[in-house]
Amino acid sequence: MTAPRLFPESPVLLIDDEEELLKSFEFVLRSHGINHLRLCRDSRAVEDLLTTQPVEAVVLDLLMPVRSGEELLPVIQRLCPDAPV
């Protein structure tokens, strides 16, 4: 696994069911020059997102309704083996 680039070509995927936390993560990353972001509030949509667009890295909430982060982790690792989570 390689270290993520500071200004990734592929987006950084932020996954959290809480809008306020997503916006906070987005603000922090953008303030550090990471502007290519993809936000996802619905854990059911993650697999479809990852099969259609590669990501540089993933920030994953572990406690979400429907599909927890613990359930999504192996899916993310299978679809994006080089992306740090």
Protein backbone atom coordinates (compact mmCIF):
# COMPACT_ATOMS: atom_id res chain seq x y z
CA MET A 1 0.00 0.00 0.00
CA THR A 2 1.33 3.41 -0.95
CA ALA A 3 0.81 6.62 0.98
CA PRO A 4 -1.99 8.86 -0.34
CA ARG A 5 -0.88 11.88 -2.33
CA LEU A 6 -1.53 15.28 -0.77
CA PHE A 7 -3.58 16.36 -3.79
CA PRO A 8 -5.18 13.13 -4.99
CA GLU A 9 -6.31 12.60 -8.58
CA SER A 10 -9.08 10.26 -7.40
CA PRO A 11 -11.47 11.51 -4.74
CA VAL A 12 -11.25 10.87 -1.04
CA LEU A 13 -14.50 9.18 -0.04
CA LEU A 14 -16.09 10.33 3.22
CA ILE A 15 -18.75 7.94 4.58
CA ASP A 16 -20.88 8.98 7.54
CA ASP A 17 -24.61 8.98 8.23
CA GLU A 18 -24.36 12.29 10.12
CA GLU A 19 -24.44 15.33 7.83
CA GLU A 20 -22.71 17.58 10.38
CA LEU A 21 -19.71 15.26 10.68
CA LEU A 22 -19.42 14.91 6.91
CA LYS A 23 -19.38 18.69 6.55
CA SER A 24 -16.77 18.98 9.32
CA PHE A 25 -14.48 16.42 7.63
CA GLU A 26 -15.04 18.16 4.31
CA PHE A 27 -14.09 21.54 5.78
CA VAL A 28 -10.91 20.23 7.39
CA LEU A 29 -9.73 18.41 4.25
CA ARG A 30 -10.52 21.35 1.97
CA SER A 31 -8.71 23.74 4.32
CA HIS A 32 -5.62 21.53 3.83
CA GLY A 33 -5.89 21.67 0.03
CA ILE A 34 -7.65 18.34 -0.52
CA ASN A 35 -10.56 19.41 -2.71
CA HIS A 36 -11.40 16.26 -4.65
CA LEU A 37 -13.93 14.74 -2.25
CA ARG A 38 -16.95 12.48 -2.51
CA LEU A 39 -19.45 12.45 0.37
CA CYS A 40 -21.76 9.54 1.11
CA ARG A 41 -24.43 9.45 3.82
CA ASP A 42 -26.06 6.16 2.79
CA SER A 43 -23.98 3.10 3.64
CA ARG A 44 -26.05 1.08 1.16
CA ALA A 45 -24.61 3.14 -1.72
CA VAL A 46 -20.94 2.61 -0.94
CA GLU A 47 -20.44 -0.55 -2.99
CA ASP A 48 -22.01 1.02 -6.09
CA LEU A 49 -19.89 4.16 -5.67
CA LEU A 50 -16.69 2.17 -5.41
CA THR A 51 -17.41 0.02 -8.45
CA THR A 52 -17.99 3.08 -10.63
CA GLN A 53 -15.23 5.41 -9.43
CA PRO A 54 -11.86 4.64 -7.84
CA VAL A 55 -10.94 6.49 -4.65
CA GLU A 56 -7.63 7.58 -3.19
CA ALA A 57 -8.62 7.03 0.44
CA VAL A 58 -11.71 6.42 2.59
CA VAL A 59 -12.81 8.00 5.86
CA LEU A 60 -15.35 5.57 7.32
CA ASP A 61 -17.81 5.90 10.19
CA LEU A 62 -17.99 2.61 12.08
CA LEU A 63 -21.39 3.17 13.69
CA MET A 64 -24.05 3.62 10.99
CA PRO A 65 -27.54 2.25 10.53
CA VAL A 66 -28.30 -0.40 7.91
CA ARG A 67 -24.65 -1.33 7.14
CA SER A 68 -22.05 -0.58 9.78
CA GLY A 69 -18.54 0.50 8.99
CA GLU A 70 -17.34 -2.87 10.26
CA GLU A 71 -19.50 -4.57 7.59
CA LEU A 72 -18.31 -2.16 4.89
CA LEU A 73 -14.61 -2.41 5.67
CA PRO A 74 -14.00 -5.77 3.92
CA VAL A 75 -16.06 -4.60 0.92
CA ILE A 76 -13.99 -1.41 0.65
CA GLN A 77 -10.73 -3.35 1.04
CA ARG A 78 -11.78 -5.81 -1.70
CA LEU A 79 -12.85 -3.09 -4.17
CA CYS A 80 -10.05 -0.61 -3.38
CA PRO A 81 -7.15 -2.65 -2.00
CA ASP A 82 -4.64 0.21 -2.26
CA ALA A 83 -6.83 2.86 -0.62
CA PRO A 84 -6.14 3.51 3.05
CA VAL A 85 -9.28 3.36 5.18
